[in-house]
Amino acid sequence: MYYVIKRQPESTSKCFIGFKVPKYTSSRSSDNVIFEFIKDGKTTRKWIKKDEIVLLTEDKDFFMKTMEQFKSVEEIQQKLVDTARKKLDESMETFTENVNAELNEFNEIRDSDDIPCILKDL
C-alpha cells in the first residue's frame, strides 16, 4: 500500500488531502503520477501532477505523523482565520450602521433650503 499527501490548490479552506492507494504508475518524463483505486470492484485511475504531491511513501507511520503535523498547522491557521472573519463581520456591521446613520441624518436635512436636491420639488 502507498500513502499520498496531495496539495489542494483549488481550495482555500482545505489545503491538502491524504489517501492510500494500492498502485501507482509514473515515469521521469511525465509531469503526472497515475494512481489506481479499486472502487466497486472496478479499477479507477486518477492523474495527479507531481508538483501537487507533497508525499508518496510506503511508510504508514511516517505518513500518519506527517498528516497529524499538517492537520495541527491547518487547525491553528483555521482558528486565526475564524477569529479574523469574526472581527471583519463585526467591522462590516459597524460600517453599515455608521453609513446608514449618516444617510439618515442627511435625509432629515435634505429638504432644507441650503441643500440643492430636486427630490423636494417632486
PDB file of N, CA and C in Angstrom:
ATOM      1  N   MET A   1       0.843  -1.180   0.000  1.00  0.00           N
ATOM      2  CA  MET A   1       0.000   0.000   0.000  1.00  0.00           C
ATOM      3  C   MET A   1       0.887   1.242   0.000  1.00  0.00           C
ATOM      4  N   TYR A   2       0.432   2.272  -0.713  1.00  0.00           N
ATOM      5  CA  TYR A   2       1.142   3.553  -0.790  1.00  0.00           C
ATOM      6  C   TYR A   2       0.273   4.631  -0.150  1.00  0.00           C
ATOM      7  N   TYR A   3       0.946   5.581   0.435  1.00  0.00           N
ATOM      8  CA  TYR A   3       0.269   6.668   1.141  1.00  0.00           C
ATOM      9  C   TYR A   3       0.670   7.989   0.492  1.00  0.00           C
ATOM     10  N   VAL A   4      -0.339   8.835   0.258  1.00  0.00           N
ATOM     11  CA  VAL A   4      -0.129  10.055  -0.514  1.00  0.00           C
ATOM     12  C   VAL A   4      -0.680  11.253   0.251  1.00  0.00           C
ATOM     13  N   ILE A   5       0.075  12.337   0.229  1.00  0.00           N
ATOM     14  CA  ILE A   5      -0.443  13.633   0.671  1.00  0.00           C
ATOM     15  C   ILE A   5      -0.379  14.535  -0.550  1.00  0.00           C
ATOM     16  N   LYS A   6      -1.528  15.107  -0.878  1.00  0.00           N
ATOM     17  CA  LYS A   6      -1.652  15.929  -2.082  1.00  0.00           C
ATOM     18  C   LYS A   6      -2.132  17.326  -1.717  1.00  0.00           C
ATOM     19  N   ARG A   7      -1.523  18.324  -2.342  1.00  0.00           N
ATOM     20  CA  ARG A   7      -1.995  19.709  -2.196  1.00  0.00           C
ATOM     21  C   ARG A   7      -3.363  19.844  -2.851  1.00  0.00           C
ATOM     22  N   GLN A   8      -4.145  20.788  -2.330  1.00  0.00           N
ATOM     23  CA  GLN A   8      -5.449  21.118  -2.907  1.00  0.00           C
ATOM     24  C   GLN A   8      -5.383  22.587  -3.343  1.00  0.00           C
ATOM     25  N   PRO A   9      -4.723  22.883  -4.461  1.00  0.00           N
ATOM     26  CA  PRO A   9      -4.518  24.285  -4.854  1.00  0.00           C
ATOM     27  C   PRO A   9      -5.799  25.038  -5.177  1.00  0.00           C
ATOM     28  N   GLU A  10      -6.866  24.329  -5.512  1.00  0.00           N
ATOM     29  CA  GLU A  10      -8.121  24.991  -5.862  1.00  0.00           C
ATOM     30  C   GLU A  10      -8.958  25.335  -4.644  1.00  0.00           C
ATOM     31  N   SER A  11      -8.517  24.928  -3.456  1.00  0.00           N
ATOM     32  CA  SER A  11      -9.279  25.161  -2.230  1.00  0.00           C
ATOM     33  C   SER A  11      -8.501  26.060  -1.278  1.00  0.00           C
ATOM     34  N   THR A  12      -9.206  27.015  -0.672  1.00  0.00           N
ATOM     35  CA  THR A  12      -8.545  27.871   0.313  1.00  0.00           C
ATOM     36  C   THR A  12      -8.739  27.368   1.728  1.00  0.00           C
ATOM     37  N   SER A  13      -9.761  26.562   1.952  1.00  0.00           N
ATOM     38  CA  SER A  13     -10.017  26.098   3.312  1.00  0.00           C
ATOM     39  C   SER A  13      -9.424  24.721   3.593  1.00  0.00           C
ATOM     40  N   LYS A  14      -9.218  23.933   2.587  1.00  0.00           N
ATOM     41  CA  LYS A  14      -8.633  22.599   2.749  1.00  0.00           C
ATOM     42  C   LYS A  14      -7.425  22.529   1.827  1.00  0.00           C
ATOM     43  N   CYS A  15      -6.231  22.723   2.400  1.00  0.00           N
ATOM     44  CA  CYS A  15      -5.012  22.863   1.596  1.00  0.00           C
ATOM     45  C   CYS A  15      -4.399  21.544   1.158  1.00  0.00           C
ATOM     46  N   PHE A  16      -4.805  20.437   1.785  1.00  0.00           N
ATOM     47  CA  PHE A  16      -4.224  19.144   1.442  1.00  0.00           C
ATOM     48  C   PHE A  16      -5.201  18.024   1.766  1.00  0.00           C
ATOM     49  N   ILE A  17      -4.959  16.871   1.137  1.00  0.00           N
ATOM     50  CA  ILE A  17      -5.696  15.658   1.478  1.00  0.00           C
ATOM     51  C   ILE A  17      -4.691  14.512   1.559  1.00  0.00           C
ATOM     52  N   GLY A  18      -5.046  13.507   2.302  1.00  0.00           N
ATOM     53  CA  GLY A  18      -4.227  12.307   2.391  1.00  0.00           C
ATOM     54  C   GLY A  18      -5.070  11.109   2.019  1.00  0.00           C
ATOM     55  N   PHE A  19      -4.447  10.140   1.350  1.00  0.00           N
ATOM     56  CA  PHE A  19      -5.170   8.933   0.965  1.00  0.00           C
ATOM     57  C   PHE A  19      -4.182   7.799   0.727  1.00  0.00           C
ATOM     58  N   LYS A  20      -4.719   6.598   0.642  1.00  0.00           N
ATOM     59  CA  LYS A  20      -3.876   5.438   0.345  1.00  0.00           C
ATOM     60  C   LYS A  20      -4.334   4.811  -0.964  1.00  0.00           C
ATOM     61  N   VAL A  21      -3.382   4.251  -1.662  1.00  0.00           N
ATOM     62  CA  VAL A  21      -3.665   3.600  -2.942  1.00  0.00           C
ATOM     63  C   VAL A  21      -2.863   2.309  -3.023  1.00  0.00           C
ATOM     64  N   PRO A  22      -3.414   1.324  -3.714  1.00  0.00           N
ATOM     65  CA  PRO A  22      -2.680   0.074  -3.855  1.00  0.00           C
ATOM     66  C   PRO A  22      -1.588   0.117  -4.934  1.00  0.00           C
ATOM     67  N   LYS A  23      -1.727   1.066  -5.883  1.00  0.00           N
ATOM     68  CA  LYS A  23      -0.790   1.057  -7.011  1.00  0.00           C
ATOM     69  C   LYS A  23      -0.676   2.449  -7.619  1.00  0.00           C
ATOM     70  N   TYR A  24       0.510   2.747  -8.128  1.00  0.00           N
ATOM     71  CA  TYR A  24       0.707   3.982  -8.877  1.00  0.00           C
ATOM     72  C   TYR A  24       1.652   3.700 -10.038  1.00  0.00           C
ATOM     73  N   THR A  25       1.605   4.589 -11.026  1.00  0.00           N
ATOM     74  CA  THR A  25       2.465   4.488 -12.195  1.00  0.00           C
ATOM     75  C   THR A  25       2.992   5.876 -12.508  1.00  0.00           C
ATOM     76  N   SER A  26       4.272   5.940 -12.876  1.00  0.00           N
ATOM     77  CA  SER A  26       4.856   7.224 -13.259  1.00  0.00           C
ATOM     78  C   SER A  26       6.132   6.982 -14.035  1.00  0.00           C
ATOM     79  N   SER A  27       6.604   8.025 -14.646  1.00  0.00           N
ATOM     80  CA  SER A  27       7.907   7.972 -15.322  1.00  0.00           C
ATOM     81  C   SER A  27       8.585   9.323 -15.154  1.00  0.00           C
ATOM     82  N   ARG A  28       9.875   9.348 -15.295  1.00  0.00           N
ATOM     83  CA  ARG A  28      10.622  10.602 -15.148  1.00  0.00           C
ATOM     84  C   ARG A  28      10.219  11.625 -16.210  1.00  0.00           C
ATOM     85  N   SER A  29       9.789  11.166 -17.354  1.00  0.00           N
ATOM     86  CA  SER A  29       9.448  12.086 -18.441  1.00  0.00           C
ATOM     87  C   SER A  29       8.032  12.657 -18.328  1.00  0.00           C
ATOM     88  N   SER A  30       7.264  12.182 -17.354  1.00  0.00           N
ATOM     89  CA  SER A  30       5.888  12.651 -17.192  1.00  0.00           C
ATOM     90  C   SER A  30       5.791  13.630 -16.030  1.00  0.00           C
ATOM     91  N   ASP A  31       4.893  14.586 -16.175  1.00  0.00           N
ATOM     92  CA  ASP A  31       4.627  15.541 -15.092  1.00  0.00           C
ATOM     93  C   ASP A  31       3.559  15.013 -14.135  1.00  0.00           C
ATOM     94  N   ASN A  32       3.032  13.823 -14.405  1.00  0.00           N
ATOM     95  CA  ASN A  32       1.937  13.269 -13.622  1.00  0.00           C
ATOM     96  C   ASN A  32       2.295  11.918 -13.014  1.00  0.00           C
ATOM     97  N   VAL A  33       1.571  11.605 -11.962  1.00  0.00           N
ATOM     98  CA  VAL A  33       1.584  10.267 -11.388  1.00  0.00           C
ATOM     99  C   VAL A  33       0.162   9.746 -11.538  1.00  0.00           C
ATOM    100  N   ILE A  34       0.039   8.507 -11.961  1.00  0.00           N
ATOM    101  CA  ILE A  34      -1.269   7.895 -12.129  1.00  0.00           C
ATOM    102  C   ILE A  34      -1.499   6.979 -10.934  1.00  0.00           C
ATOM    103  N   PHE A  35      -2.540   7.284 -10.168  1.00  0.00           N
ATOM    104  CA  PHE A  35      -2.892   6.461  -9.013  1.00  0.00           C
ATOM    105  C   PHE A  35      -4.071   5.587  -9.397  1.00  0.00           C
ATOM    106  N   GLU A  36      -4.006   4.311  -9.010  1.00  0.00           N
ATOM    107  CA  GLU A  36      -5.080   3.374  -9.310  1.00  0.00           C
ATOM    108  C   GLU A  36      -5.826   3.019  -8.039  1.00  0.00           C
ATOM    109  N   PHE A  37      -7.132   3.206  -8.071  1.00  0.00           N
ATOM    110  CA  PHE A  37      -8.016   2.880  -6.957  1.00  0.00           C
ATOM    111  C   PHE A  37      -8.932   1.746  -7.392  1.00  0.00           C
ATOM    112  N   ILE A  38      -9.352   0.959  -6.444  1.00  0.00           N
ATOM    113  CA  ILE A  38     -10.369  -0.045  -6.707  1.00  0.00           C
ATOM    114  C   ILE A  38     -11.659   0.461  -6.064  1.00  0.00           C
ATOM    115  N   LYS A  39     -12.651   0.721  -6.910  1.00  0.00           N
ATOM    116  CA  LYS A  39     -13.933   1.233  -6.417  1.00  0.00           C
ATOM    117  C   LYS A  39     -15.048   0.385  -7.007  1.00  0.00           C
ATOM    118  N   ASP A  40     -15.837  -0.208  -6.136  1.00  0.00           N
ATOM    119  CA  ASP A  40     -16.930  -1.086  -6.566  1.00  0.00           C
ATOM    120  C   ASP A  40     -16.428  -2.188  -7.488  1.00  0.00           C
ATOM    121  N   GLY A  41     -15.249  -2.718  -7.204  1.00  0.00           N
ATOM    122  CA  GLY A  41     -14.688  -3.809  -7.996  1.00  0.00           C
ATOM    123  C   GLY A  41     -14.062  -3.377  -9.314  1.00  0.00           C
ATOM    124  N   LYS A  42     -14.087  -2.084  -9.600  1.00  0.00           N
ATOM    125  CA  LYS A  42     -13.519  -1.578 -10.858  1.00  0.00           C
ATOM    126  C   LYS A  42     -12.287  -0.734 -10.563  1.00  0.00           C
ATOM    127  N   THR A  43     -11.325  -0.820 -11.437  1.00  0.00           N
ATOM    128  CA  THR A  43     -10.120  -0.009 -11.307  1.00  0.00           C
ATOM    129  C   THR A  43     -10.394   1.382 -11.854  1.00  0.00           C
ATOM    130  N   THR A  44     -10.090   2.393 -11.035  1.00  0.00           N
ATOM    131  CA  THR A  44     -10.242   3.787 -11.424  1.00  0.00           C
ATOM    132  C   THR A  44      -8.870   4.438 -11.354  1.00  0.00           C
ATOM    133  N   ARG A  45      -8.538   5.227 -12.360  1.00  0.00           N
ATOM    134  CA  ARG A  45      -7.250   5.908 -12.395  1.00  0.00           C
ATOM    135  C   ARG A  45      -7.440   7.408 -12.221  1.00  0.00           C
ATOM    136  N   LYS A  46      -6.525   7.991 -11.480  1.00  0.00           N
ATOM    137  CA  LYS A  46      -6.560   9.439 -11.239  1.00  0.00           C
ATOM    138  C   LYS A  46      -5.166   9.990 -11.530  1.00  0.00           C
ATOM    139  N   TRP A  47      -5.083  10.961 -12.458  1.00  0.00           N
ATOM    140  CA  TRP A  47      -3.828  11.612 -12.790  1.00  0.00           C
ATOM    141  C   TRP A  47      -3.643  12.796 -11.842  1.00  0.00           C
ATOM    142  N   ILE A  48      -2.486  12.870 -11.217  1.00  0.00           N
ATOM    143  CA  ILE A  48      -2.175  13.991 -10.335  1.00  0.00           C
ATOM    144  C   ILE A  48      -0.804  14.530 -10.725  1.00  0.00           C
ATOM    145  N   LYS A  49      -0.716  15.846 -10.839  1.00  0.00           N
ATOM    146  CA  LYS A  49       0.555  16.480 -11.175  1.00  0.00           C
ATOM    147  C   LYS A  49       1.572  16.236 -10.066  1.00  0.00           C
ATOM    148  N   LYS A  50       2.791  15.939 -10.456  1.00  0.00           N
ATOM    149  CA  LYS A  50       3.844  15.667  -9.468  1.00  0.00           C
ATOM    150  C   LYS A  50       4.045  16.837  -8.509  1.00  0.00           C
ATOM    151  N   ASP A  51       3.927  18.062  -9.011  1.00  0.00           N
ATOM    152  CA  ASP A  51       4.164  19.214  -8.135  1.00  0.00           C
ATOM    153  C   ASP A  51       3.029  19.446  -7.138  1.00  0.00           C
ATOM    154  N   GLU A  52       1.921  18.710  -7.254  1.00  0.00           N
ATOM    155  CA  GLU A  52       0.846  18.774  -6.265  1.00  0.00           C
ATOM    156  C   GLU A  52       0.998  17.699  -5.188  1.00  0.00           C
ATOM    157  N   ILE A  53       1.925  16.771  -5.398  1.00  0.00           N
ATOM    158  CA  ILE A  53       2.134  15.687  -4.446  1.00  0.00           C
ATOM    159  C   ILE A  53       3.194  16.122  -3.443  1.00  0.00           C
ATOM    160  N   VAL A  54       2.802  16.132  -2.183  1.00  0.00           N
ATOM    161  CA  VAL A  54       3.714  16.511  -1.101  1.00  0.00           C
ATOM    162  C   VAL A  54       4.493  15.288  -0.639  1.00  0.00           C
ATOM    163  N   LEU A  55       3.813  14.147  -0.561  1.00  0.00           N
ATOM    164  CA  LEU A  55       4.449  12.921  -0.079  1.00  0.00           C
ATOM    165  C   LEU A  55       3.854  11.715  -0.780  1.00  0.00           C
ATOM    166  N   LEU A  56       4.718  10.792  -1.178  1.00  0.00           N
ATOM    167  CA  LEU A  56       4.329   9.481  -1.692  1.00  0.00           C
ATOM    168  C   LEU A  56       5.254   8.493  -1.004  1.00  0.00           C
ATOM    169  N   THR A  57       4.679   7.636  -0.162  1.00  0.00           N
ATOM    170  CA  THR A  57       5.512   6.749   0.641  1.00  0.00           C
ATOM    171  C   THR A  57       4.815   5.418   0.899  1.00  0.00           C
ATOM    172  N   GLU A  58       5.608   4.430   1.276  1.00  0.00           N
ATOM    173  CA  GLU A  58       5.075   3.149   1.736  1.00  0.00           C
ATOM    174  C   GLU A  58       5.049   3.096   3.261  1.00  0.00           C
ATOM    175  N   ASP A  59       5.638   4.090   3.906  1.00  0.00           N
ATOM    176  CA  ASP A  59       5.777   4.127   5.358  1.00  0.00           C
ATOM    177  C   ASP A  59       4.519   4.743   5.983  1.00  0.00           C
ATOM    178  N   LYS A  60       3.617   3.878   6.465  1.00  0.00           N
ATOM    179  CA  LYS A  60       2.345   4.339   7.019  1.00  0.00           C
ATOM    180  C   LYS A  60       2.557   5.207   8.250  1.00  0.00           C
ATOM    181  N   ASP A  61       3.493   4.832   9.121  1.00  0.00           N
ATOM    182  CA  ASP A  61       3.736   5.607  10.336  1.00  0.00           C
ATOM    183  C   ASP A  61       4.215   7.018  10.007  1.00  0.00           C
ATOM    184  N   PHE A  62       5.132   7.130   9.041  1.00  0.00           N
ATOM    185  CA  PHE A  62       5.622   8.451   8.643  1.00  0.00           C
ATOM    186  C   PHE A  62       4.491   9.269   8.029  1.00  0.00           C
ATOM    187  N   PHE A  63       3.684   8.627   7.204  1.00  0.00           N
ATOM    188  CA  PHE A  63       2.524   9.283   6.593  1.00  0.00           C
ATOM    189  C   PHE A  63       1.593   9.826   7.673  1.00  0.00           C
ATOM    190  N   MET A  64       1.256   8.980   8.663  1.00  0.00           N
ATOM    191  CA  MET A  64       0.341   9.400   9.728  1.00  0.00           C
ATOM    192  C   MET A  64       0.938  10.546  10.544  1.00  0.00           C
ATOM    193  N   LYS A  65       2.225  10.457  10.851  1.00  0.00           N
ATOM    194  CA  LYS A  65       2.899  11.519  11.612  1.00  0.00           C
ATOM    195  C   LYS A  65       2.870  12.839  10.829  1.00  0.00           C
ATOM    196  N   THR A  66       3.145  12.770   9.550  1.00  0.00           N
ATOM    197  CA  THR A  66       3.155  13.966   8.708  1.00  0.00           C
ATOM    198  C   THR A  66       1.756  14.544   8.568  1.00  0.00           C
ATOM    199  N   MET A  67       0.759  13.689   8.398  1.00  0.00           N
ATOM    200  CA  MET A  67      -0.632  14.161   8.302  1.00  0.00           C
ATOM    201  C   MET A  67      -1.040  14.876   9.582  1.00  0.00           C
ATOM    202  N   GLU A  68      -0.690  14.321  10.730  1.00  0.00           N
ATOM    203  CA  GLU A  68      -1.028  14.955  12.006  1.00  0.00           C
ATOM    204  C   GLU A  68      -0.353  16.312  12.142  1.00  0.00           C
ATOM    205  N   GLN A  69       0.892  16.394  11.707  1.00  0.00           N
ATOM    206  CA  GLN A  69       1.616  17.675  11.750  1.00  0.00           C
ATOM    207  C   GLN A  69       0.908  18.712  10.873  1.00  0.00           C
ATOM    208  N   PHE A  70       0.558  18.329   9.654  1.00  0.00           N
ATOM    209  CA  PHE A  70      -0.125  19.243   8.742  1.00  0.00           C
ATOM    210  C   PHE A  70      -1.505  19.632   9.280  1.00  0.00           C
ATOM    211  N   LYS A  71      -2.232  18.656   9.842  1.00  0.00           N
ATOM    212  CA  LYS A  71      -3.550  18.946  10.404  1.00  0.00           C
ATOM    213  C   LYS A  71      -3.456  19.913  11.568  1.00  0.00           C
ATOM    214  N   SER A  72      -2.414  19.771  12.367  1.00  0.00           N
ATOM    215  CA  SER A  72      -2.213  20.671  13.501  1.00  0.00           C
ATOM    216  C   SER A  72      -1.994  22.106  13.025  1.00  0.00           C
ATOM    217  N   VAL A  73      -1.143  22.275  12.033  1.00  0.00           N
ATOM    218  CA  VAL A  73      -0.886  23.609  11.481  1.00  0.00           C
ATOM    219  C   VAL A  73      -2.171  24.160  10.853  1.00  0.00           C
ATOM    220  N   GLU A  74      -2.882  23.327  10.127  1.00  0.00           N
ATOM    221  CA  GLU A  74      -4.124  23.758   9.488  1.00  0.00           C
ATOM    222  C   GLU A  74      -5.149  24.195  10.540  1.00  0.00           C
ATOM    223  N   GLU A  75      -5.247  23.448  11.619  1.00  0.00           N
ATOM    224  CA  GLU A  75      -6.189  23.786  12.687  1.00  0.00           C
ATOM    225  C   GLU A  75      -5.854  25.126  13.331  1.00  0.00           C
ATOM    226  N   ILE A  76      -4.589  25.359  13.612  1.00  0.00           N
ATOM    227  CA  ILE A  76      -4.152  26.634  14.194  1.00  0.00           C
ATOM    228  C   ILE A  76      -4.472  27.782  13.247  1.00  0.00           C
ATOM    229  N   GLN A  77      -4.143  27.604  11.982  1.00  0.00           N
ATOM    230  CA  GLN A  77      -4.389  28.658  10.996  1.00  0.00           C
ATOM    231  C   GLN A  77      -5.884  28.892  10.802  1.00  0.00           C
ATOM    232  N   GLN A  78      -6.684  27.827  10.852  1.00  0.00           N
ATOM    233  CA  GLN A  78      -8.129  27.979  10.696  1.00  0.00           C
ATOM    234  C   GLN A  78      -8.716  28.779  11.849  1.00  0.00           C
ATOM    235  N   LYS A  79      -8.198  28.567  13.057  1.00  0.00           N
ATOM    236  CA  LYS A  79      -8.663  29.351  14.212  1.00  0.00           C
ATOM    237  C   LYS A  79      -8.345  30.829  14.011  1.00  0.00           C
ATOM    238  N   LEU A  80      -7.157  31.128  13.492  1.00  0.00           N
ATOM    239  CA  LEU A  80      -6.789  32.523  13.219  1.00  0.00           C
ATOM    240  C   LEU A  80      -7.715  33.133  12.176  1.00  0.00           C
ATOM    241  N   VAL A  81      -8.012  32.373  11.138  1.00  0.00           N
ATOM    242  CA  VAL A  81      -8.911  32.850  10.087  1.00  0.00           C
ATOM    243  C   VAL A  81     -10.315  33.078  10.650  1.00  0.00           C
ATOM    244  N   ASP A  82     -10.795  32.147  11.477  1.00  0.00           N
ATOM    245  CA  ASP A  82     -12.125  32.291  12.067  1.00  0.00           C
ATOM    246  C   ASP A  82     -12.211  33.540  12.939  1.00  0.00           C
ATOM    247  N   THR A  83     -11.161  33.791  13.718  1.00  0.00           N
ATOM    248  CA  THR A  83     -11.126  34.986  14.562  1.00  0.00           C
ATOM    249  C   THR A  83     -11.124  36.246  13.702  1.00  0.00           C
ATOM    250  N   ALA A  84     -10.299  36.245  12.663  1.00  0.00           N
ATOM    251  CA  ALA A  84     -10.236  37.404  11.768  1.00  0.00           C
ATOM    252  C   ALA A  84     -11.573  37.615  11.050  1.00  0.00           C
ATOM    253  N   ARG A  85     -12.215  36.508  10.651  1.00  0.00           N
ATOM    254  CA  ARG A  85     -13.509  36.619   9.964  1.00  0.00           C
ATOM    255  C   ARG A  85     -14.556  37.207  10.899  1.00  0.00           C
ATOM    256  N   LYS A  86     -14.531  36.795  12.173  1.00  0.00           N
ATOM    257  CA  LYS A  86     -15.477  37.324  13.155  1.00  0.00           C
ATOM    258  C   LYS A  86     -15.260  38.824  13.340  1.00  0.00           C
ATOM    259  N   LYS A  87     -13.998  39.244  13.435  1.00  0.00           N
ATOM    260  CA  LYS A  87     -13.691  40.676  13.573  1.00  0.00           C
ATOM    261  C   LYS A  87     -14.126  41.437  12.328  1.00  0.00           C
ATOM    262  N   LEU A  88     -13.900  40.866  11.165  1.00  0.00           N
ATOM    263  CA  LEU A  88     -14.326  41.508   9.922  1.00  0.00           C
ATOM    264  C   LEU A  88     -15.844  41.658   9.887  1.00  0.00           C
ATOM    265  N   ASP A  89     -16.565  40.617  10.280  1.00  0.00           N
ATOM    266  CA  ASP A  89     -18.030  40.692  10.312  1.00  0.00           C
ATOM    267  C   ASP A  89     -18.490  41.807  11.247  1.00  0.00           C
ATOM    268  N   GLU A  90     -17.843  41.914  12.413  1.00  0.00           N
ATOM    269  CA  GLU A  90     -18.190  42.975  13.358  1.00  0.00           C
ATOM    270  C   GLU A  90     -17.885  44.350  12.766  1.00  0.00           C
ATOM    271  N   SER A  91     -16.744  44.465  12.101  1.00  0.00           N
ATOM    272  CA  SER A  91     -16.377  45.743  11.469  1.00  0.00           C
ATOM    273  C   SER A  91     -17.345  46.102  10.358  1.00  0.00           C
ATOM    274  N   MET A  92     -17.770  45.125   9.577  1.00  0.00           N
ATOM    275  CA  MET A  92     -18.718  45.385   8.498  1.00  0.00           C
ATOM    276  C   MET A  92     -20.068  45.825   9.073  1.00  0.00           C
ATOM    277  N   GLU A  93     -20.454  45.237  10.183  1.00  0.00           N
ATOM    278  CA  GLU A  93     -21.707  45.632  10.818  1.00  0.00           C
ATOM    279  C   GLU A  93     -21.621  47.076  11.313  1.00  0.00           C
ATOM    280  N   THR A  94     -20.507  47.422  11.945  1.00  0.00           N
ATOM    281  CA  THR A  94     -20.295  48.795  12.415  1.00  0.00           C
ATOM    282  C   THR A  94     -20.261  49.759  11.234  1.00  0.00           C
ATOM    283  N   PHE A  95     -19.583  49.368  10.172  1.00  0.00           N
ATOM    284  CA  PHE A  95     -19.513  50.176   8.954  1.00  0.00           C
ATOM    285  C   PHE A  95     -20.921  50.473   8.434  1.00  0.00           C
ATOM    286  N   THR A  96     -21.715  49.439   8.301  1.00  0.00           N
ATOM    287  CA  THR A  96     -23.070  49.600   7.778  1.00  0.00           C
ATOM    288  C   THR A  96     -23.914  50.496   8.675  1.00  0.00           C
ATOM    289  N   GLU A  97     -23.808  50.281   9.979  1.00  0.00           N
ATOM    290  CA  GLU A  97     -24.560  51.105  10.921  1.00  0.00           C
ATOM    291  C   GLU A  97     -24.157  52.578  10.813  1.00  0.00           C
ATOM    292  N   ASN A  98     -22.863  52.851  10.741  1.00  0.00           N
ATOM    293  CA  ASN A  98     -22.374  54.234  10.667  1.00  0.00           C
ATOM    294  C   ASN A  98     -22.784  54.918   9.370  1.00  0.00           C
ATOM    295  N   VAL A  99     -22.641  54.212   8.261  1.00  0.00           N
ATOM    296  CA  VAL A  99     -23.019  54.807   6.976  1.00  0.00           C
ATOM    297  C   VAL A  99     -24.525  55.044   6.939  1.00  0.00           C
ATOM    298  N   ASN A 100     -25.313  54.082   7.408  1.00  0.00           N
ATOM    299  CA  ASN A 100     -26.768  54.269   7.425  1.00  0.00           C
ATOM    300  C   ASN A 100     -27.177  55.419   8.337  1.00  0.00           C
ATOM    301  N   ALA A 101     -26.506  55.571   9.465  1.00  0.00           N
ATOM    302  CA  ALA A 101     -26.805  56.699  10.362  1.00  0.00           C
ATOM    303  C   ALA A 101     -26.516  58.023   9.656  1.00  0.00           C
ATOM    304  N   GLU A 102     -25.410  58.089   8.942  1.00  0.00           N
ATOM    305  CA  GLU A 102     -25.052  59.303   8.208  1.00  0.00           C
ATOM    306  C   GLU A 102     -26.090  59.599   7.128  1.00  0.00           C
ATOM    307  N   LEU A 103     -26.503  58.576   6.397  1.00  0.00           N
ATOM    308  CA  LEU A 103     -27.517  58.757   5.358  1.00  0.00           C
ATOM    309  C   LEU A 103     -28.846  59.208   5.967  1.00  0.00           C
ATOM    310  N   ASN A 104     -29.212  58.636   7.104  1.00  0.00           N
ATOM    311  CA  ASN A 104     -30.466  59.024   7.769  1.00  0.00           C
ATOM    312  C   ASN A 104     -30.407  60.475   8.238  1.00  0.00           C
ATOM    313  N   GLU A 105     -29.272  60.884   8.771  1.00  0.00           N
ATOM    314  CA  GLU A 105     -29.106  62.290   9.189  1.00  0.00           C
ATOM    315  C   GLU A 105     -29.264  63.218   8.000  1.00  0.00           C
ATOM    316  N   PHE A 106     -28.669  62.838   6.876  1.00  0.00           N
ATOM    317  CA  PHE A 106     -28.784  63.681   5.690  1.00  0.00           C
ATOM    318  C   PHE A 106     -30.233  63.739   5.212  1.00  0.00           C
ATOM    319  N   ASN A 107     -30.927  62.613   5.278  1.00  0.00           N
ATOM    320  CA  ASN A 107     -32.341  62.590   4.882  1.00  0.00           C
ATOM    321  C   ASN A 107     -33.149  63.611   5.669  1.00  0.00           C
ATOM    322  N   GLU A 108     -32.810  63.781   6.928  1.00  0.00           N
ATOM    323  CA  GLU A 108     -33.546  64.713   7.781  1.00  0.00           C
ATOM    324  C   GLU A 108     -33.327  66.170   7.369  1.00  0.00           C
ATOM    325  N   ILE A 109     -32.165  66.492   6.814  1.00  0.00           N
ATOM    326  CA  ILE A 109     -31.896  67.886   6.418  1.00  0.00           C
ATOM    327  C   ILE A 109     -32.027  68.110   4.916  1.00  0.00           C
ATOM    328  N   ARG A 110     -32.300  67.075   4.176  1.00  0.00           N
ATOM    329  CA  ARG A 110     -32.324  67.146   2.714  1.00  0.00           C
ATOM    330  C   ARG A 110     -33.325  68.168   2.193  1.00  0.00           C
ATOM    331  N   ASP A 111     -34.425  68.364   2.863  1.00  0.00           N
ATOM    332  CA  ASP A 111     -35.465  69.271   2.375  1.00  0.00           C
ATOM    333  C   ASP A 111     -35.214  70.730   2.750  1.00  0.00           C
ATOM    334  N   SER A 112     -34.153  71.018   3.453  1.00  0.00           N
ATOM    335  CA  SER A 112     -33.880  72.419   3.814  1.00  0.00           C
ATOM    336  C   SER A 112     -33.436  73.203   2.577  1.00  0.00           C
ATOM    337  N   ASP A 113     -33.551  74.534   2.667  1.00  0.00           N
ATOM    338  CA  ASP A 113     -33.294  75.404   1.516  1.00  0.00           C
ATOM    339  C   ASP A 113     -31.834  75.394   1.055  1.00  0.00           C
ATOM    340  N   ASP A 114     -30.905  75.116   1.941  1.00  0.00           N
ATOM    341  CA  ASP A 114     -29.494  75.175   1.547  1.00  0.00           C
ATOM    342  C   ASP A 114     -28.982  73.863   0.932  1.00  0.00           C
ATOM    343  N   ILE A 115     -29.852  72.867   0.759  1.00  0.00           N
ATOM    344  CA  ILE A 115     -29.462  71.601   0.117  1.00  0.00           C
ATOM    345  C   ILE A 115     -30.075  71.577  -1.280  1.00  0.00           C
ATOM    346  N   PRO A 116     -29.216  71.573  -2.319  1.00  0.00           N
ATOM    347  CA  PRO A 116     -29.744  71.570  -3.689  1.00  0.00           C
ATOM    348  C   PRO A 116     -30.176  70.151  -4.118  1.00  0.00           C
ATOM    349  N   CYS A 117     -31.406  69.790  -3.741  1.00  0.00           N
ATOM    350  CA  CYS A 117     -31.913  68.447  -4.046  1.00  0.00           C
ATOM    351  C   CYS A 117     -33.245  68.580  -4.767  1.00  0.00           C
ATOM    352  N   ILE A 118     -33.330  67.977  -5.933  1.00  0.00           N
ATOM    353  CA  ILE A 118     -34.535  68.067  -6.766  1.00  0.00           C
ATOM    354  C   ILE A 118     -35.692  67.281  -6.161  1.00  0.00           C
ATOM    355  N   LEU A 119     -35.388  66.292  -5.330  1.00  0.00           N
ATOM    356  CA  LEU A 119     -36.461  65.461  -4.769  1.00  0.00           C
ATOM    357  C   LEU A 119     -37.509  66.260  -4.024  1.00  0.00           C
ATOM    358  N   LYS A 120     -37.115  67.323  -3.359  1.00  0.00           N
ATOM    359  CA  LYS A 120     -38.103  68.100  -2.575  1.00  0.00           C
ATOM    360  C   LYS A 120     -39.131  68.795  -3.476  1.00  0.00           C
ATOM    361  N   ASP A 121     -38.820  68.936  -4.773  1.00  0.00           N
ATOM    362  CA  ASP A 121     -39.764  69.538  -5.714  1.00  0.00           C
ATOM    363  C   ASP A 121     -40.643  68.498  -6.422  1.00  0.00           C
ATOM    364  N   LEU A 122     -40.396  67.264  -6.165  1.00  0.00           N
ATOM    365  CA  LEU A 122     -41.171  66.215  -6.875  1.00  0.00           C
ATOM    366  C   LEU A 122     -42.391  65.791  -6.110  1.00  0.00           C
TER     367      LEU A 122
END
